[in-house]
Protein backbone atom coordinates (compact mmCIF):
# COMPACT_ATOMS: atom_id res chain seq x y z
CA UNK A 1 -37.79 3.15 34.90
CA UNK A 2 -34.57 2.68 32.92
CA UNK A 3 -34.56 -0.17 30.44
CA UNK A 4 -32.37 -1.05 27.49
CA UNK A 5 -34.52 -1.86 24.47
CA UNK A 6 -34.49 -5.08 22.51
CA UNK A 7 -33.77 -3.53 19.13
CA UNK A 8 -31.18 -1.12 17.77
CA UNK A 9 -32.24 2.51 17.66
CA UNK A 10 -30.95 3.22 14.19
CA UNK A 11 -29.29 1.56 11.20
CA UNK A 12 -26.62 3.63 9.53
CA UNK A 13 -27.10 2.96 5.82
CA UNK A 14 -25.44 5.74 3.86
CA UNK A 15 -23.09 5.78 0.91
CA UNK A 16 -19.56 6.87 1.78
CA UNK A 17 -17.46 9.12 -0.41
CA UNK A 18 -15.27 6.17 -1.39
CA UNK A 19 -18.31 4.22 -2.60
CA UNK A 20 -17.91 1.81 0.31
CA UNK A 21 -21.03 0.93 2.30
CA UNK A 22 -20.90 0.82 6.10
CA UNK A 23 -21.69 -2.47 7.72
CA UNK A 24 -25.44 -2.36 8.42
CA UNK A 25 -26.72 -2.92 11.92
CA UNK A 26 -29.07 -5.82 11.08
CA UNK A 27 -28.40 -8.15 13.98
CA UNK A 28 -26.77 -7.98 17.36
CA UNK A 29 -22.99 -8.32 17.15
CA UNK A 30 -21.38 -11.36 18.71
CA UNK A 31 -20.85 -10.73 22.42
CA UNK A 32 -23.30 -7.80 22.43
CA UNK A 33 -25.32 -9.08 25.38
CA UNK A 34 -22.13 -9.22 27.46
CA UNK A 35 -21.48 -5.54 26.75
CA UNK A 36 -24.98 -4.55 27.83
CA UNK A 37 -24.80 -6.72 30.96
CA UNK A 38 -21.56 -5.01 31.98
CA UNK A 39 -23.27 -1.60 31.78
CA UNK A 40 -26.47 -2.54 33.60
CA UNK A 41 -25.15 -2.33 37.19
CA UNK A 42 -23.94 1.23 36.60
CA UNK A 43 -27.11 2.25 34.76
CA UNK A 44 -29.26 0.74 37.52
CA UNK A 45 -27.24 2.62 40.15
CA UNK A 46 -27.65 5.92 38.32
CA UNK A 47 -31.37 5.38 37.79
CA UNK A 48 -31.83 4.45 41.47
CA UNK A 49 -30.40 7.90 42.31
CA UNK A 50 -32.92 9.49 39.96
CA UNK A 51 -30.38 10.40 37.30
CA UNK A 52 -31.13 10.39 33.61
CA UNK A 53 -28.84 8.40 31.31
CA UNK A 54 -27.73 8.73 27.69
CA UNK A 55 -26.51 5.81 25.61
CA UNK A 56 -24.04 6.15 22.74
CA UNK A 57 -23.85 3.18 20.36
CA UNK A 58 -21.44 2.44 17.51
CA UNK A 59 -23.87 1.78 14.64
CA UNK A 60 -21.45 1.50 11.70
CA UNK A 61 -17.73 1.27 10.97
CA UNK A 62 -15.70 1.70 7.82
CA UNK A 63 -12.13 0.42 7.50
CA UNK A 64 -10.48 0.20 10.93
CA UNK A 65 -12.22 1.07 14.19
CA UNK A 66 -11.19 0.72 17.84
CA UNK A 67 -14.55 -0.79 18.85
CA UNK A 68 -16.99 -2.98 16.90
CA UNK A 69 -20.56 -2.16 15.90
CA UNK A 70 -22.77 -2.49 18.98
CA UNK A 71 -20.23 -1.08 21.43
CA UNK A 72 -21.86 1.23 23.97
CA UNK A 73 -20.98 4.10 26.26
CA UNK A 74 -23.44 5.04 29.00
CA UNK A 75 -23.27 8.59 30.39
CA UNK A 76 -25.07 9.67 33.56
CA UNK A 77 -26.58 13.08 34.10
CA UNK A 78 -23.89 13.75 36.73
CA UNK A 79 -21.12 12.91 34.23
CA UNK A 80 -20.17 9.34 35.11
CA UNK A 81 -19.21 6.96 32.28
CA UNK A 82 -19.49 3.21 31.71
CA UNK A 83 -18.44 1.30 28.61
CA UNK A 84 -16.62 2.56 25.53
CA UNK A 85 -17.27 3.47 21.90
CA UNK A 86 -13.74 4.51 20.89
CA UNK A 87 -10.84 6.20 22.60
CA UNK A 88 -9.30 9.56 23.29
CA UNK A 89 -10.85 12.66 21.79
CA UNK A 90 -13.75 10.75 20.21
CA UNK A 91 -15.05 9.61 23.60
CA UNK A 92 -14.63 13.13 24.94
CA UNK A 93 -16.79 14.48 22.14
CA UNK A 94 -19.37 11.69 22.56
CA UNK A 95 -19.53 12.57 26.27
CA UNK A 96 -20.30 16.21 25.38
CA UNK A 97 -22.98 15.11 22.88
CA UNK A 98 -24.53 12.86 25.54
CA UNK A 99 -24.68 15.76 28.00
CA UNK A 100 -26.39 17.90 25.33
CA UNK A 101 -28.95 15.14 24.67
CA UNK A 102 -29.61 14.85 28.41
CA UNK A 103 -30.13 18.62 28.56
CA UNK A 104 -33.00 18.28 26.07
CA UNK A 105 -31.18 18.16 22.75
CA UNK A 106 -32.29 15.82 19.99
CA UNK A 107 -30.74 12.36 19.62
CA UNK A 108 -28.03 12.47 16.99
CA UNK A 109 -25.86 10.42 14.68
CA UNK A 110 -22.23 11.57 14.68
CA UNK A 111 -19.54 10.41 12.24
CA UNK A 112 -15.88 10.39 13.26
CA UNK A 113 -13.05 9.55 10.93
CA UNK A 114 -9.62 10.13 9.56
CA UNK A 115 -8.23 9.48 6.10
CA UNK A 116 -5.40 7.00 5.59
CA UNK A 117 -3.04 9.86 4.62
CA UNK A 118 -3.89 11.82 7.78
CA UNK A 119 -3.44 8.69 9.90
CA UNK A 120 0.00 7.98 8.45
CA UNK A 121 0.97 11.59 9.07
CA UNK A 122 0.37 11.22 12.83
CA UNK A 123 1.88 7.75 13.13
CA UNK A 124 -1.21 5.54 12.87
CA UNK A 125 -1.16 2.54 10.55
CA UNK A 126 -4.43 3.39 8.77
CA UNK A 127 -7.55 5.55 8.93
CA UNK A 128 -11.16 4.63 9.51
CA UNK A 129 -14.60 5.93 10.38
CA UNK A 130 -17.25 5.19 12.96
CA UNK A 131 -20.85 6.33 13.27
CA UNK A 132 -22.11 6.78 16.83
CA UNK A 133 -25.78 7.31 17.71
CA UNK A 134 -26.40 9.20 20.97
CA UNK A 135 -29.84 9.03 22.60
CA UNK A 136 -31.45 9.36 26.02
CA UNK A 137 -32.35 6.15 27.79
CA UNK A 138 -36.11 6.27 28.24
């Protein structure tokens, strides 16, 4: 049976190189239940077909981030996606990590980021970091 748990899987509490602390995942973000409810029909459909599912969750952000803490991306064993944790190449990499977890790999915490200088160099207004935890849905 596929169920989404009542508590976060992990709290990202590490010191960053700039001395800035990530926002801890101590309580559900505002609107979190709406995000989970939007994913449930897809997850239920995948589970009804006997597919396994991985869940990727944004557990911390530093500076700017495209999605808030608590954002989720569900990935089915057959490669379907529901939800979002970021955009572009980050979601592509999270998808690959989810497939590895579904193939028997260990759950993992992945940090993505870009410095302000790098961001300005490619035309973005500022840099930022996100931590994404990828785990199988048990």
